[in-house]
Amino acid sequence: MPISNQQVTTHHFLRLLYEDDFYPDHVVDRGRAILLRLCERIEAARPADLAALYVLTQAATEEFNALEAEFDSAGSEIETVAREAIGEDFWFVARAYGFQDADTEELIATREW
């Protein structure tokens, strides 16, 4: 299902990670794909409230948890810069879909990074 939200289709997810050689593009690509799948799920499920949104974002966060091993294998890690960039993009997604009151920490509450 193609993403219909214009804000999302023009957003450059994980931009700071792509700009820094410490983060391998092939792993960052996987993180970008997680965020795009999250957008697809939001458009398909149309969560009615923050609780329903958090279920979707926390599942995507768990995918990032699994991705951390790939960062490690590539000589990188999800550290402060990456944590901030990932968290900001989750917050961007929430706002793009009308959830202005979403709590950034709650969006990624299941994170292990």
Protein backbone atom coordinates (compact mmCIF):
# COMPACT_ATOMS: atom_id res chain seq x y z
CA MET A 1 0.00 0.00 0.00
CA PRO A 2 1.61 3.29 -1.04
CA ILE A 3 1.77 5.98 1.60
CA SER A 4 -0.67 8.80 0.91
CA ASN A 5 0.40 11.32 3.57
CA GLN A 6 2.24 14.07 1.68
CA GLN A 7 4.28 15.10 4.74
CA VAL A 8 5.59 11.56 5.05
CA THR A 9 6.34 11.04 1.36
CA THR A 10 8.56 14.14 1.29
CA HIS A 11 10.26 13.59 4.67
CA HIS A 12 13.89 12.46 4.72
CA PHE A 13 13.83 9.85 7.50
CA LEU A 14 17.00 9.38 9.57
CA ARG A 15 18.75 12.17 7.67
CA LEU A 16 21.42 12.71 10.32
CA LEU A 17 22.36 9.04 10.27
CA TYR A 18 22.75 9.03 6.49
CA GLU A 19 25.01 12.09 6.76
CA ASP A 20 27.37 10.42 9.25
CA ASP A 21 29.71 7.66 8.06
CA PHE A 22 29.55 6.04 11.51
CA TYR A 23 26.14 4.66 10.53
CA PRO A 24 26.29 2.27 7.57
CA ASP A 25 23.72 3.18 4.94
CA HIS A 26 22.58 -0.41 4.45
CA VAL A 27 21.60 -0.63 8.12
CA VAL A 28 20.08 2.86 8.17
CA ASP A 29 18.05 1.80 5.12
CA ARG A 30 16.52 -0.94 7.25
CA GLY A 31 15.64 1.61 9.93
CA ARG A 32 14.04 3.86 7.32
CA ALA A 33 12.03 0.86 6.10
CA ILE A 34 10.77 0.27 9.66
CA LEU A 35 9.52 3.85 9.82
CA LEU A 36 7.86 3.63 6.41
CA ARG A 37 6.13 0.37 7.39
CA LEU A 38 4.91 2.12 10.52
CA CYS A 39 3.36 4.83 8.33
CA GLU A 40 1.71 2.18 6.17
CA ARG A 41 0.30 0.50 9.27
CA ILE A 42 -1.04 3.79 10.59
CA GLU A 43 -2.75 4.52 7.28
CA ALA A 44 -4.22 1.01 7.14
CA ALA A 45 -5.33 0.80 10.79
CA ARG A 46 -6.26 4.47 11.28
CA PRO A 47 -5.73 4.42 15.07
CA ALA A 48 -8.53 6.26 16.82
CA ASP A 49 -6.53 7.46 19.81
CA LEU A 50 -3.07 7.69 21.31
CA ALA A 51 -3.33 4.27 22.95
CA ALA A 52 -3.90 2.65 19.55
CA LEU A 53 -1.07 4.68 18.02
CA TYR A 54 1.30 3.62 20.81
CA VAL A 55 0.62 -0.04 20.06
CA LEU A 56 1.83 0.53 16.49
CA THR A 57 4.82 2.71 17.37
CA GLN A 58 6.00 0.41 20.13
CA ALA A 59 5.88 -2.57 17.76
CA ALA A 60 8.05 -0.58 15.32
CA THR A 61 10.37 0.29 18.21
CA GLU A 62 10.83 -3.42 18.86
CA GLU A 63 11.93 -3.78 15.24
CA PHE A 64 14.60 -1.15 15.96
CA ASN A 65 15.61 -3.19 19.02
CA ALA A 66 16.32 -6.12 16.72
CA LEU A 67 18.16 -3.85 14.29
CA GLU A 68 20.64 -2.83 16.98
CA ALA A 69 22.55 -6.09 16.49
CA GLU A 70 23.05 -5.20 12.82
CA PHE A 71 24.44 -1.81 13.78
CA ASP A 72 26.83 -3.58 16.16
CA SER A 73 27.91 -6.10 13.49
CA ALA A 74 28.66 -3.21 11.14
CA GLY A 75 30.90 -1.49 13.72
CA SER A 76 28.26 1.05 14.71
CA GLU A 77 25.63 1.36 17.41
CA ILE A 78 22.42 3.09 18.34
CA GLU A 79 23.94 5.72 20.58
CA THR A 80 22.91 9.26 21.53
CA VAL A 81 22.76 10.78 18.03
CA ALA A 82 20.94 7.77 16.62
CA ARG A 83 18.53 7.59 19.58
CA GLU A 84 17.63 11.25 19.11
CA ALA A 85 17.20 10.92 15.33
CA ILE A 86 15.03 7.82 15.65
CA GLY A 87 12.93 9.35 18.43
CA GLU A 88 12.44 12.57 16.45
CA ASP A 89 11.24 10.61 13.43
CA PHE A 90 8.73 8.69 15.55
CA TRP A 91 7.47 12.03 16.84
CA PHE A 92 7.34 13.39 13.28
CA VAL A 93 5.22 10.40 12.23
CA ALA A 94 2.82 10.90 15.12
CA ARG A 95 2.36 14.58 14.27
CA ALA A 96 2.05 13.90 10.53
CA TYR A 97 -0.93 11.68 11.29
CA GLY A 98 -2.61 14.19 13.58
CA PHE A 99 -1.40 13.02 16.98
CA GLN A 100 -0.02 16.36 18.15
CA ASP A 101 -0.24 15.33 21.83
CA ALA A 102 1.81 12.16 21.46
CA ASP A 103 4.50 11.71 24.08
CA THR A 104 7.85 10.96 22.46
CA GLU A 105 8.93 8.65 25.26
CA GLU A 106 5.68 6.72 25.12
CA LEU A 107 5.97 6.34 21.34
CA ILE A 108 9.24 4.43 21.84
CA ALA A 109 8.61 3.06 25.34
CA THR A 110 9.69 -0.46 24.36
CA ARG A 111 13.15 0.64 23.24
CA GLU A 112 16.26 -1.13 24.47
CA TRP A 113 18.70 1.41 23.05
